[in-house]
Amino acid sequence: MKHPFARFLRVSVLGLCSLFAAVAALPAAAYPERPIRLVVPNAAGGGTDAFARVMAQKLGEAFNQTVVVENKPGAQGGIGTTYGAKAAPDGYTLTIGFVSTLAVNPFVYPDIGYEPLKDFVAVAMGVNQPYLMVTYPASPYQNLQEFAQFAKQKKGGATFASTSSQTELIGVLFQTLLETRMLYIPYKNATTAVVELSRGDIDVMVASLPSAIPLLNAGKLKALAVTGDKRAAALPNVPSAAEAGFPAFEANGWYGIVAPKGTPEAIVQLLNKHINAILAMPDVQQNLIAAGFEILTGTPAEFAAMIERDYQRWGAVAQTQKTMRK
């Protein structure tokens, strides 16, 4: 015969478990009770900002609550990302995370103030912007294969413009595939780089689709290839790097939404459900695809795996870069 206390203990434990489950469910049930901040680690007007404002508007409508976009630019995205990492893990501060801030910058800049894999929880994927290798309209090479031959033969090396840590590493990746060296020329902003590229002062640069499409349409740039294994829907006539014979020349500029580590799982799942629903809306898809984005949806676990995969990949490329500089 069981001791009466054993039955009392069992009932009490079950009661406590039910209580804890109820408490754990409370944040999502009541969430959001006040405005949500969506931190953008870039200045207003760019691709990340445009994506954030679409998400903020639609999330606000879904939750019947205000979602405020806060632009916190500086340090190649480091200032805003650090701010997001140190916010309270209550679901009321979300951050636009992208490949540069979560998978590249930790290997390029010392003491950036956060650790991507430890300080954040992945909430939802968002969009992907493939990159383009572009050149000036009158360049003698018409595709990636022709440029590869040009780069190998040019005395002193072909010139490669870069405007960010990621585009610099994309250039490093291409050099390793070519087994040749290019002359890296850094720019503080893409506007100056494009002006000098368009007149032939530089041989090539890597640009995101949203920023490159207007310049391609205006005849100021010429596209050589999309970095990746497939063509971009917004530029169906531009071949992929894989088609050009460089299947390993793959680089993507994804955006997604992350939250501080410790944010309740119930809130993370709720946000993921709503963000995926927003990305499935026809008007949202039409606007994002026209701007050169590809839609990405998935679970928080899938987004976390993508972050870690690119973190490892670009970390290896950064190590190659350090070796090349010696």
C-alpha atoms as a PDB file:
ATOM      1  CA  MET A   1       0.000   0.000   0.000  1.00  0.00           C
ATOM      2  CA  LYS A   2       1.333   3.400  -0.995  1.00  0.00           C
ATOM      3  CA  HIS A   3       1.984   5.888   1.725  1.00  0.00           C
ATOM      4  CA  PRO A   4      -0.640   8.683   1.755  1.00  0.00           C
ATOM      5  CA  PHE A   5       2.159  11.217   1.491  1.00  0.00           C
ATOM      6  CA  ALA A   6       3.232   9.674  -1.845  1.00  0.00           C
ATOM      7  CA  ARG A   7      -0.224  10.324  -3.283  1.00  0.00           C
ATOM      8  CA  PHE A   8      -0.164  13.855  -1.861  1.00  0.00           C
ATOM      9  CA  LEU A   9       3.289  14.421  -3.375  1.00  0.00           C
ATOM     10  CA  ARG A  10       2.160  13.126  -6.776  1.00  0.00           C
ATOM     11  CA  VAL A  11      -0.904  15.364  -6.781  1.00  0.00           C
ATOM     12  CA  SER A  12       1.184  18.328  -5.672  1.00  0.00           C
ATOM     13  CA  VAL A  13       3.804  17.768  -8.382  1.00  0.00           C
ATOM     14  CA  LEU A  14       1.113  17.454 -11.018  1.00  0.00           C
ATOM     15  CA  GLY A  15      -0.469  20.610  -9.723  1.00  0.00           C
ATOM     16  CA  LEU A  16       2.821  22.480  -9.853  1.00  0.00           C
ATOM     17  CA  CYS A  17       3.480  21.260 -13.398  1.00  0.00           C
ATOM     18  CA  SER A  18       0.064  22.524 -14.471  1.00  0.00           C
ATOM     19  CA  LEU A  19       0.763  25.835 -12.765  1.00  0.00           C
ATOM     20  CA  PHE A  20       4.160  26.206 -14.462  1.00  0.00           C
ATOM     21  CA  ALA A  21       2.632  25.348 -17.843  1.00  0.00           C
ATOM     22  CA  ALA A  22      -0.040  27.960 -17.324  1.00  0.00           C
ATOM     23  CA  VAL A  23       2.520  30.567 -16.317  1.00  0.00           C
ATOM     24  CA  ALA A  24       4.703  29.707 -19.310  1.00  0.00           C
ATOM     25  CA  ALA A  25       1.742  30.250 -21.600  1.00  0.00           C
ATOM     26  CA  LEU A  26       0.881  33.632 -20.134  1.00  0.00           C
ATOM     27  CA  PRO A  27       3.401  35.786 -22.065  1.00  0.00           C
ATOM     28  CA  ALA A  28       2.097  34.659 -25.475  1.00  0.00           C
ATOM     29  CA  ALA A  29      -1.549  34.904 -24.366  1.00  0.00           C
ATOM     30  CA  ALA A  30      -1.112  38.497 -23.202  1.00  0.00           C
ATOM     31  CA  TYR A  31       1.474  39.483 -25.792  1.00  0.00           C
ATOM     32  CA  PRO A  32       1.738  42.170 -26.983  1.00  0.00           C
ATOM     33  CA  GLU A  33       0.336  44.494 -24.363  1.00  0.00           C
ATOM     34  CA  ARG A  34       2.418  47.505 -25.419  1.00  0.00           C
ATOM     35  CA  PRO A  35       4.305  48.765 -28.507  1.00  0.00           C
ATOM     36  CA  ILE A  36       7.051  46.593 -30.003  1.00  0.00           C
ATOM     37  CA  ARG A  37      10.370  48.019 -31.165  1.00  0.00           C
ATOM     38  CA  LEU A  38      11.911  46.683 -34.368  1.00  0.00           C
ATOM     39  CA  VAL A  39      15.574  47.706 -34.444  1.00  0.00           C
ATOM     40  CA  VAL A  40      17.237  48.264 -37.820  1.00  0.00           C
ATOM     41  CA  PRO A  41      21.058  48.399 -37.558  1.00  0.00           C
ATOM     42  CA  ASN A  42      21.232  50.614 -40.655  1.00  0.00           C
ATOM     43  CA  ALA A  43      20.186  54.102 -41.685  1.00  0.00           C
ATOM     44  CA  ALA A  44      16.721  54.721 -43.083  1.00  0.00           C
ATOM     45  CA  GLY A  45      16.251  54.226 -46.799  1.00  0.00           C
ATOM     46  CA  GLY A  46      18.177  50.998 -47.424  1.00  0.00           C
ATOM     47  CA  GLY A  47      17.018  47.463 -48.095  1.00  0.00           C
ATOM     48  CA  THR A  48      16.954  46.416 -44.439  1.00  0.00           C
ATOM     49  CA  ASP A  49      14.926  49.502 -43.557  1.00  0.00           C
ATOM     50  CA  ALA A  50      12.419  48.860 -46.354  1.00  0.00           C
ATOM     51  CA  PHE A  51      11.946  45.264 -45.235  1.00  0.00           C
ATOM     52  CA  ALA A  52      11.572  46.334 -41.597  1.00  0.00           C
ATOM     53  CA  ARG A  53       8.863  48.873 -42.406  1.00  0.00           C
ATOM     54  CA  VAL A  54       6.812  46.308 -44.284  1.00  0.00           C
ATOM     55  CA  MET A  55       7.122  43.923 -41.329  1.00  0.00           C
ATOM     56  CA  ALA A  56       6.313  46.642 -38.805  1.00  0.00           C
ATOM     57  CA  GLN A  57       3.155  47.722 -40.599  1.00  0.00           C
ATOM     58  CA  LYS A  58       1.835  44.216 -41.112  1.00  0.00           C
ATOM     59  CA  LEU A  59       2.759  42.978 -37.616  1.00  0.00           C
ATOM     60  CA  GLY A  60       1.059  46.039 -36.155  1.00  0.00           C
ATOM     61  CA  GLU A  61      -2.104  45.186 -38.068  1.00  0.00           C
ATOM     62  CA  ALA A  62      -1.945  41.531 -37.040  1.00  0.00           C
ATOM     63  CA  PHE A  63      -1.458  42.329 -33.346  1.00  0.00           C
ATOM     64  CA  ASN A  64      -3.568  45.503 -33.307  1.00  0.00           C
ATOM     65  CA  GLN A  65      -0.581  47.090 -31.625  1.00  0.00           C
ATOM     66  CA  THR A  66       2.044  49.681 -32.593  1.00  0.00           C
ATOM     67  CA  VAL A  67       5.326  48.366 -33.998  1.00  0.00           C
ATOM     68  CA  VAL A  68       7.952  51.108 -34.133  1.00  0.00           C
ATOM     69  CA  VAL A  69      10.974  50.939 -36.427  1.00  0.00           C
ATOM     70  CA  GLU A  70      14.113  52.258 -34.712  1.00  0.00           C
ATOM     71  CA  ASN A  71      17.103  52.927 -36.961  1.00  0.00           C
ATOM     72  CA  LYS A  72      20.397  52.580 -35.097  1.00  0.00           C
ATOM     73  CA  PRO A  73      23.148  52.718 -37.746  1.00  0.00           C
ATOM     74  CA  GLY A  74      26.903  52.640 -37.246  1.00  0.00           C
ATOM     75  CA  ALA A  75      29.868  50.273 -37.066  1.00  0.00           C
ATOM     76  CA  GLN A  76      28.678  48.222 -40.058  1.00  0.00           C
ATOM     77  CA  GLY A  77      25.496  47.335 -38.194  1.00  0.00           C
ATOM     78  CA  GLY A  78      27.264  46.680 -34.911  1.00  0.00           C
ATOM     79  CA  ILE A  79      25.669  49.473 -32.878  1.00  0.00           C
ATOM     80  CA  GLY A  80      22.076  48.478 -33.550  1.00  0.00           C
ATOM     81  CA  THR A  81      22.785  44.764 -33.270  1.00  0.00           C
ATOM     82  CA  THR A  82      24.524  45.215 -29.911  1.00  0.00           C
ATOM     83  CA  TYR A  83      21.569  47.273 -28.717  1.00  0.00           C
ATOM     84  CA  GLY A  84      19.201  44.486 -29.734  1.00  0.00           C
ATOM     85  CA  ALA A  85      21.333  41.826 -28.057  1.00  0.00           C
ATOM     86  CA  LYS A  86      21.294  43.660 -24.709  1.00  0.00           C
ATOM     87  CA  ALA A  87      17.565  44.426 -24.691  1.00  0.00           C
ATOM     88  CA  ALA A  88      15.203  42.738 -22.247  1.00  0.00           C
ATOM     89  CA  PRO A  89      14.218  39.252 -23.515  1.00  0.00           C
ATOM     90  CA  ASP A  90      10.496  39.920 -23.330  1.00  0.00           C
ATOM     91  CA  GLY A  91       9.526  40.050 -27.005  1.00  0.00           C
ATOM     92  CA  TYR A  92       9.192  43.827 -27.066  1.00  0.00           C
ATOM     93  CA  THR A  93      12.553  44.493 -28.751  1.00  0.00           C
ATOM     94  CA  LEU A  94      13.204  42.658 -32.008  1.00  0.00           C
ATOM     95  CA  THR A  95      16.138  43.202 -34.344  1.00  0.00           C
ATOM     96  CA  ILE A  96      16.614  42.865 -38.074  1.00  0.00           C
ATOM     97  CA  GLY A  97      19.476  40.400 -38.336  1.00  0.00           C
ATOM     98  CA  PHE A  98      21.320  39.903 -41.598  1.00  0.00           C
ATOM     99  CA  VAL A  99      24.247  37.912 -42.863  1.00  0.00           C
ATOM    100  CA  SER A 100      26.784  40.705 -42.317  1.00  0.00           C
ATOM    101  CA  THR A 101      25.908  41.305 -38.672  1.00  0.00           C
ATOM    102  CA  LEU A 102      25.308  37.691 -37.678  1.00  0.00           C
ATOM    103  CA  ALA A 103      27.763  35.723 -39.806  1.00  0.00           C
ATOM    104  CA  VAL A 104      30.487  38.042 -41.151  1.00  0.00           C
ATOM    105  CA  ASN A 105      31.257  40.935 -38.805  1.00  0.00           C
ATOM    106  CA  PRO A 106      32.297  38.741 -35.856  1.00  0.00           C
ATOM    107  CA  PHE A 107      35.298  37.626 -37.929  1.00  0.00           C
ATOM    108  CA  VAL A 108      36.131  41.041 -39.356  1.00  0.00           C
ATOM    109  CA  TYR A 109      35.774  43.483 -36.465  1.00  0.00           C
ATOM    110  CA  PRO A 110      37.228  42.882 -32.986  1.00  0.00           C
ATOM    111  CA  ASP A 111      35.051  43.364 -29.907  1.00  0.00           C
ATOM    112  CA  ILE A 112      31.806  44.022 -31.768  1.00  0.00           C
ATOM    113  CA  GLY A 113      29.846  43.815 -28.514  1.00  0.00           C
ATOM    114  CA  TYR A 114      27.762  40.700 -29.120  1.00  0.00           C
ATOM    115  CA  GLU A 115      28.037  37.018 -29.992  1.00  0.00           C
ATOM    116  CA  PRO A 116      25.520  36.049 -32.698  1.00  0.00           C
ATOM    117  CA  LEU A 117      25.120  32.408 -31.727  1.00  0.00           C
ATOM    118  CA  LYS A 118      24.885  33.086 -27.988  1.00  0.00           C
ATOM    119  CA  ASP A 119      23.111  36.423 -27.618  1.00  0.00           C
ATOM    120  CA  PHE A 120      20.158  35.942 -29.968  1.00  0.00           C
ATOM    121  CA  VAL A 121      17.346  33.525 -30.619  1.00  0.00           C
ATOM    122  CA  ALA A 122      16.220  33.178 -34.235  1.00  0.00           C
ATOM    123  CA  VAL A 123      12.592  34.223 -34.720  1.00  0.00           C
ATOM    124  CA  ALA A 124      11.848  34.118 -38.431  1.00  0.00           C
ATOM    125  CA  MET A 125      13.477  34.239 -41.827  1.00  0.00           C
ATOM    126  CA  GLY A 126      12.445  37.086 -44.076  1.00  0.00           C
ATOM    127  CA  VAL A 127      14.000  37.678 -47.449  1.00  0.00           C
ATOM    128  CA  ASN A 128      17.110  36.896 -49.402  1.00  0.00           C
ATOM    129  CA  GLN A 129      18.866  39.250 -51.803  1.00  0.00           C
ATOM    130  CA  PRO A 130      21.260  37.471 -54.134  1.00  0.00           C
ATOM    131  CA  TYR A 131      24.319  39.432 -55.109  1.00  0.00           C
ATOM    132  CA  LEU A 132      25.447  40.409 -58.574  1.00  0.00           C
ATOM    133  CA  MET A 133      28.918  40.702 -59.984  1.00  0.00           C
ATOM    134  CA  VAL A 134      28.653  43.928 -61.991  1.00  0.00           C
ATOM    135  CA  THR A 135      30.960  45.955 -64.197  1.00  0.00           C
ATOM    136  CA  TYR A 136      30.909  49.116 -66.304  1.00  0.00           C
ATOM    137  CA  PRO A 137      28.828  49.130 -69.510  1.00  0.00           C
ATOM    138  CA  ALA A 138      31.797  49.357 -71.919  1.00  0.00           C
ATOM    139  CA  SER A 139      33.876  46.631 -70.239  1.00  0.00           C
ATOM    140  CA  PRO A 140      35.560  44.131 -72.612  1.00  0.00           C
ATOM    141  CA  TYR A 141      34.120  41.126 -70.743  1.00  0.00           C
ATOM    142  CA  GLN A 142      30.489  40.131 -71.126  1.00  0.00           C
ATOM    143  CA  ASN A 143      30.164  37.326 -68.587  1.00  0.00           C
ATOM    144  CA  LEU A 144      31.858  35.807 -65.552  1.00  0.00           C
ATOM    145  CA  GLN A 145      34.019  33.425 -67.579  1.00  0.00           C
ATOM    146  CA  GLU A 146      35.424  36.270 -69.672  1.00  0.00           C
ATOM    147  CA  PHE A 147      36.089  38.332 -66.566  1.00  0.00           C
ATOM    148  CA  ALA A 148      37.871  35.387 -64.952  1.00  0.00           C
ATOM    149  CA  GLN A 149      40.257  35.227 -67.899  1.00  0.00           C
ATOM    150  CA  PHE A 150      40.726  38.991 -67.775  1.00  0.00           C
ATOM    151  CA  ALA A 151      41.490  38.899 -64.035  1.00  0.00           C
ATOM    152  CA  LYS A 152      44.112  36.193 -64.468  1.00  0.00           C
ATOM    153  CA  GLN A 153      45.867  38.056 -67.263  1.00  0.00           C
ATOM    154  CA  LYS A 154      45.701  41.664 -66.072  1.00  0.00           C
ATOM    155  CA  LYS A 155      49.047  42.905 -64.848  1.00  0.00           C
ATOM    156  CA  GLY A 156      48.811  43.922 -61.192  1.00  0.00           C
ATOM    157  CA  GLY A 157      45.442  42.198 -60.834  1.00  0.00           C
ATOM    158  CA  ALA A 158      41.891  43.227 -61.609  1.00  0.00           C
ATOM    159  CA  THR A 159      40.416  45.888 -59.339  1.00  0.00           C
ATOM    160  CA  PHE A 160      37.536  44.921 -57.075  1.00  0.00           C
ATOM    161  CA  ALA A 161      35.449  47.522 -55.229  1.00  0.00           C
ATOM    162  CA  SER A 162      33.846  46.716 -51.904  1.00  0.00           C
ATOM    163  CA  THR A 163      31.466  48.671 -49.688  1.00  0.00           C
ATOM    164  CA  SER A 164      31.024  46.274 -46.750  1.00  0.00           C
ATOM    165  CA  SER A 165      32.653  43.463 -44.852  1.00  0.00           C
ATOM    166  CA  GLN A 166      30.528  40.904 -46.644  1.00  0.00           C
ATOM    167  CA  THR A 167      31.187  42.136 -50.175  1.00  0.00           C
ATOM    168  CA  GLU A 168      34.897  42.144 -49.349  1.00  0.00           C
ATOM    169  CA  LEU A 169      34.696  38.496 -48.297  1.00  0.00           C
ATOM    170  CA  ILE A 170      32.700  37.680 -51.427  1.00  0.00           C
ATOM    171  CA  GLY A 171      35.648  39.062 -53.367  1.00  0.00           C
ATOM    172  CA  VAL A 172      38.005  36.899 -51.331  1.00  0.00           C
ATOM    173  CA  LEU A 173      35.872  33.856 -52.122  1.00  0.00           C
ATOM    174  CA  PHE A 174      36.019  34.608 -55.841  1.00  0.00           C
ATOM    175  CA  GLN A 175      39.792  35.069 -55.741  1.00  0.00           C
ATOM    176  CA  THR A 176      40.243  31.661 -54.121  1.00  0.00           C
ATOM    177  CA  LEU A 177      38.089  30.069 -56.813  1.00  0.00           C
ATOM    178  CA  LEU A 178      40.111  31.788 -59.541  1.00  0.00           C
ATOM    179  CA  GLU A 179      43.400  31.037 -57.799  1.00  0.00           C
ATOM    180  CA  THR A 180      44.531  34.557 -58.551  1.00  0.00           C
ATOM    181  CA  ARG A 181      44.756  37.883 -56.730  1.00  0.00           C
ATOM    182  CA  MET A 182      42.630  40.979 -57.265  1.00  0.00           C
ATOM    183  CA  LEU A 183      43.321  44.470 -56.001  1.00  0.00           C
ATOM    184  CA  TYR A 184      40.811  45.290 -53.271  1.00  0.00           C
ATOM    185  CA  ILE A 185      39.561  48.910 -53.182  1.00  0.00           C
ATOM    186  CA  PRO A 186      37.361  49.809 -50.180  1.00  0.00           C
ATOM    187  CA  TYR A 187      34.604  52.430 -50.361  1.00  0.00           C
ATOM    188  CA  LYS A 188      32.647  53.966 -47.515  1.00  0.00           C
ATOM    189  CA  ASN A 189      29.470  54.042 -49.581  1.00  0.00           C
ATOM    190  CA  ALA A 190      28.075  52.349 -52.663  1.00  0.00           C
ATOM    191  CA  THR A 191      27.199  55.627 -54.392  1.00  0.00           C
ATOM    192  CA  THR A 192      30.836  56.645 -54.870  1.00  0.00           C
ATOM    193  CA  ALA A 193      31.831  53.114 -55.861  1.00  0.00           C
ATOM    194  CA  VAL A 194      29.127  52.929 -58.526  1.00  0.00           C
ATOM    195  CA  VAL A 195      30.108  56.297 -60.010  1.00  0.00           C
ATOM    196  CA  GLU A 196      33.735  55.234 -60.365  1.00  0.00           C
ATOM    197  CA  LEU A 197      32.789  51.776 -61.594  1.00  0.00           C
ATOM    198  CA  SER A 198      30.380  53.107 -64.229  1.00  0.00           C
ATOM    199  CA  ARG A 199      33.132  55.176 -65.851  1.00  0.00           C
ATOM    200  CA  GLY A 200      35.596  52.294 -65.863  1.00  0.00           C
ATOM    201  CA  ASP A 201      37.893  53.336 -63.019  1.00  0.00           C
ATOM    202  CA  ILE A 202      37.279  49.935 -61.385  1.00  0.00           C
ATOM    203  CA  ASP A 203      36.890  46.559 -63.046  1.00  0.00           C
ATOM    204  CA  VAL A 204      34.104  44.953 -60.976  1.00  0.00           C
ATOM    205  CA  MET A 205      32.134  45.105 -57.766  1.00  0.00           C
ATOM    206  CA  VAL A 206      29.516  43.035 -55.991  1.00  0.00           C
ATOM    207  CA  ALA A 207      26.130  44.680 -55.478  1.00  0.00           C
ATOM    208  CA  SER A 208      22.823  43.553 -54.020  1.00  0.00           C
ATOM    209  CA  LEU A 209      19.907  43.121 -56.400  1.00  0.00           C
ATOM    210  CA  PRO A 210      17.735  45.870 -54.861  1.00  0.00           C
ATOM    211  CA  SER A 211      20.533  48.423 -55.228  1.00  0.00           C
ATOM    212  CA  ALA A 212      21.711  47.215 -58.641  1.00  0.00           C
ATOM    213  CA  ILE A 213      18.410  46.855 -60.521  1.00  0.00           C
ATOM    214  CA  PRO A 214      17.738  50.611 -60.980  1.00  0.00           C
ATOM    215  CA  LEU A 215      21.326  51.160 -62.190  1.00  0.00           C
ATOM    216  CA  LEU A 216      21.104  48.233 -64.600  1.00  0.00           C
ATOM    217  CA  ASN A 217      17.830  49.570 -65.978  1.00  0.00           C
ATOM    218  CA  ALA A 218      19.425  52.997 -66.404  1.00  0.00           C
ATOM    219  CA  GLY A 219      22.341  51.505 -68.348  1.00  0.00           C
ATOM    220  CA  LYS A 220      24.919  52.589 -65.754  1.00  0.00           C
ATOM    221  CA  LEU A 221      26.032  49.045 -64.907  1.00  0.00           C
ATOM    222  CA  LYS A 222      26.345  45.697 -66.671  1.00  0.00           C
ATOM    223  CA  ALA A 223      25.611  42.431 -64.859  1.00  0.00           C
ATOM    224  CA  LEU A 224      28.007  39.503 -65.273  1.00  0.00           C
ATOM    225  CA  ALA A 225      26.356  36.918 -63.031  1.00  0.00           C
ATOM    226  CA  VAL A 226      24.183  36.276 -59.999  1.00  0.00           C
ATOM    227  CA  THR A 227      26.207  34.810 -57.142  1.00  0.00           C
ATOM    228  CA  GLY A 228      24.579  31.445 -56.588  1.00  0.00           C
ATOM    229  CA  ASP A 229      23.176  28.383 -58.285  1.00  0.00           C
ATOM    230  CA  LYS A 230      20.064  29.912 -59.855  1.00  0.00           C
ATOM    231  CA  ARG A 231      18.949  32.999 -61.689  1.00  0.00           C
ATOM    232  CA  ALA A 232      17.099  35.764 -59.886  1.00  0.00           C
ATOM    233  CA  ALA A 233      13.409  36.154 -60.671  1.00  0.00           C
ATOM    234  CA  ALA A 234      13.867  39.919 -61.007  1.00  0.00           C
ATOM    235  CA  LEU A 235      16.685  39.474 -63.573  1.00  0.00           C
ATOM    236  CA  PRO A 236      15.837  36.346 -65.560  1.00  0.00           C
ATOM    237  CA  ASN A 237      18.328  37.132 -68.345  1.00  0.00           C
ATOM    238  CA  VAL A 238      21.366  37.268 -66.057  1.00  0.00           C
ATOM    239  CA  PRO A 239      23.036  33.840 -65.688  1.00  0.00           C
ATOM    240  CA  SER A 240      23.934  32.352 -62.329  1.00  0.00           C
ATOM    241  CA  ALA A 241      27.529  31.798 -61.254  1.00  0.00           C
ATOM    242  CA  ALA A 242      26.883  28.057 -61.420  1.00  0.00           C
ATOM    243  CA  GLU A 243      25.866  28.382 -65.071  1.00  0.00           C
ATOM    244  CA  ALA A 244      29.086  30.292 -65.702  1.00  0.00           C
ATOM    245  CA  GLY A 245      31.139  27.423 -64.318  1.00  0.00           C
ATOM    246  CA  PHE A 246      31.568  28.636 -60.727  1.00  0.00           C
ATOM    247  CA  PRO A 247      29.098  26.594 -58.634  1.00  0.00           C
ATOM    248  CA  ALA A 248      30.976  27.395 -55.411  1.00  0.00           C
ATOM    249  CA  PHE A 249      30.633  31.142 -55.980  1.00  0.00           C
ATOM    250  CA  GLU A 250      27.569  31.442 -53.804  1.00  0.00           C
ATOM    251  CA  ALA A 251      26.765  34.415 -51.600  1.00  0.00           C
ATOM    252  CA  ASN A 252      23.426  35.585 -50.284  1.00  0.00           C
ATOM    253  CA  GLY A 253      22.341  38.606 -48.314  1.00  0.00           C
ATOM    254  CA  TRP A 254      19.452  37.348 -46.227  1.00  0.00           C
ATOM    255  CA  TYR A 255      17.464  39.327 -43.680  1.00  0.00           C
ATOM    256  CA  GLY A 256      15.455  37.946 -40.800  1.00  0.00           C
ATOM    257  CA  ILE A 257      14.184  38.840 -37.354  1.00  0.00           C
ATOM    258  CA  VAL A 258      15.933  37.869 -34.129  1.00  0.00           C
ATOM    259  CA  ALA A 259      15.272  38.500 -30.438  1.00  0.00           C
ATOM    260  CA  PRO A 260      17.464  38.552 -27.317  1.00  0.00           C
ATOM    261  CA  LYS A 261      18.376  35.147 -25.946  1.00  0.00           C
ATOM    262  CA  GLY A 262      15.882  34.116 -23.284  1.00  0.00           C
ATOM    263  CA  THR A 263      12.813  35.440 -25.073  1.00  0.00           C
ATOM    264  CA  PRO A 264       9.932  33.059 -24.181  1.00  0.00           C
ATOM    265  CA  GLU A 265       9.515  30.248 -26.697  1.00  0.00           C
ATOM    266  CA  ALA A 266       5.770  30.858 -26.882  1.00  0.00           C
ATOM    267  CA  ILE A 267       6.375  34.434 -28.041  1.00  0.00           C
ATOM    268  CA  VAL A 268       9.012  33.339 -30.547  1.00  0.00           C
ATOM    269  CA  GLN A 269       6.606  30.804 -32.068  1.00  0.00           C
ATOM    270  CA  LEU A 270       3.763  33.329 -32.162  1.00  0.00           C
ATOM    271  CA  LEU A 271       5.925  35.880 -33.970  1.00  0.00           C
ATOM    272  CA  ASN A 272       7.172  33.229 -36.384  1.00  0.00           C
ATOM    273  CA  LYS A 273       3.605  32.246 -37.263  1.00  0.00           C
ATOM    274  CA  HIS A 274       2.576  35.839 -37.979  1.00  0.00           C
ATOM    275  CA  ILE A 275       5.737  36.732 -39.937  1.00  0.00           C
ATOM    276  CA  ASN A 276       5.363  33.675 -42.167  1.00  0.00           C
ATOM    277  CA  ALA A 277       1.728  34.631 -42.765  1.00  0.00           C
ATOM    278  CA  ILE A 278       2.766  38.178 -43.690  1.00  0.00           C
ATOM    279  CA  LEU A 279       5.368  36.890 -46.153  1.00  0.00           C
ATOM    280  CA  ALA A 280       2.657  34.794 -47.820  1.00  0.00           C
ATOM    281  CA  MET A 281       0.454  37.845 -48.501  1.00  0.00           C
ATOM    282  CA  PRO A 282       0.214  38.558 -52.258  1.00  0.00           C
ATOM    283  CA  ASP A 283       0.811  42.309 -51.924  1.00  0.00           C
ATOM    284  CA  VAL A 284       3.866  41.781 -49.723  1.00  0.00           C
ATOM    285  CA  GLN A 285       5.314  39.193 -52.102  1.00  0.00           C
ATOM    286  CA  GLN A 286       4.679  41.380 -55.136  1.00  0.00           C
ATOM    287  CA  ASN A 287       6.453  44.382 -53.622  1.00  0.00           C
ATOM    288  CA  LEU A 288       9.429  42.437 -52.265  1.00  0.00           C
ATOM    289  CA  ILE A 289       9.991  40.391 -55.429  1.00  0.00           C
ATOM    290  CA  ALA A 290       9.784  43.505 -57.629  1.00  0.00           C
ATOM    291  CA  ALA A 291      12.527  45.051 -55.480  1.00  0.00           C
ATOM    292  CA  GLY A 292      14.808  42.082 -56.125  1.00  0.00           C
ATOM    293  CA  PHE A 293      14.150  40.063 -52.960  1.00  0.00           C
ATOM    294  CA  GLU A 294      13.404  36.365 -52.652  1.00  0.00           C
ATOM    295  CA  ILE A 295      10.928  35.328 -49.958  1.00  0.00           C
ATOM    296  CA  LEU A 296      12.227  33.050 -47.199  1.00  0.00           C
ATOM    297  CA  THR A 297       9.963  31.288 -44.716  1.00  0.00           C
ATOM    298  CA  GLY A 298      10.619  28.608 -42.154  1.00  0.00           C
ATOM    299  CA  THR A 299      10.706  27.714 -38.497  1.00  0.00           C
ATOM    300  CA  PRO A 300      12.910  29.390 -35.871  1.00  0.00           C
ATOM    301  CA  ALA A 301      15.041  26.241 -35.814  1.00  0.00           C
ATOM    302  CA  GLU A 302      15.569  26.401 -39.580  1.00  0.00           C
ATOM    303  CA  PHE A 303      16.568  30.052 -39.381  1.00  0.00           C
ATOM    304  CA  ALA A 304      18.974  29.292 -36.519  1.00  0.00           C
ATOM    305  CA  ALA A 305      20.570  26.542 -38.607  1.00  0.00           C
ATOM    306  CA  MET A 306      20.998  28.937 -41.538  1.00  0.00           C
ATOM    307  CA  ILE A 307      22.675  31.525 -39.311  1.00  0.00           C
ATOM    308  CA  GLU A 308      25.084  28.958 -37.906  1.00  0.00           C
ATOM    309  CA  ARG A 309      25.855  27.514 -41.340  1.00  0.00           C
ATOM    310  CA  ASP A 310      26.797  30.919 -42.756  1.00  0.00           C
ATOM    311  CA  TYR A 311      28.649  31.816 -39.555  1.00  0.00           C
ATOM    312  CA  GLN A 312      30.911  28.809 -40.069  1.00  0.00           C
ATOM    313  CA  ARG A 313      31.236  29.365 -43.816  1.00  0.00           C
ATOM    314  CA  TRP A 314      32.187  33.044 -43.731  1.00  0.00           C
ATOM    315  CA  GLY A 315      34.433  32.438 -40.753  1.00  0.00           C
ATOM    316  CA  ALA A 316      36.468  30.104 -42.941  1.00  0.00           C
ATOM    317  CA  VAL A 317      36.591  32.688 -45.759  1.00  0.00           C
ATOM    318  CA  ALA A 318      37.720  35.360 -43.268  1.00  0.00           C
ATOM    319  CA  GLN A 319      40.550  33.095 -42.196  1.00  0.00           C
ATOM    320  CA  THR A 320      41.571  32.753 -45.842  1.00  0.00           C
ATOM    321  CA  GLN A 321      41.539  36.533 -46.120  1.00  0.00           C
ATOM    322  CA  LYS A 322      43.917  36.857 -43.178  1.00  0.00           C
ATOM    323  CA  THR A 323      46.253  34.344 -44.789  1.00  0.00           C
ATOM    324  CA  MET A 324      46.207  36.266 -48.066  1.00  0.00           C
ATOM    325  CA  ARG A 325      47.175  39.481 -46.290  1.00  0.00           C
ATOM    326  CA  LYS A 326      50.312  37.969 -44.750  1.00  0.00           C
END
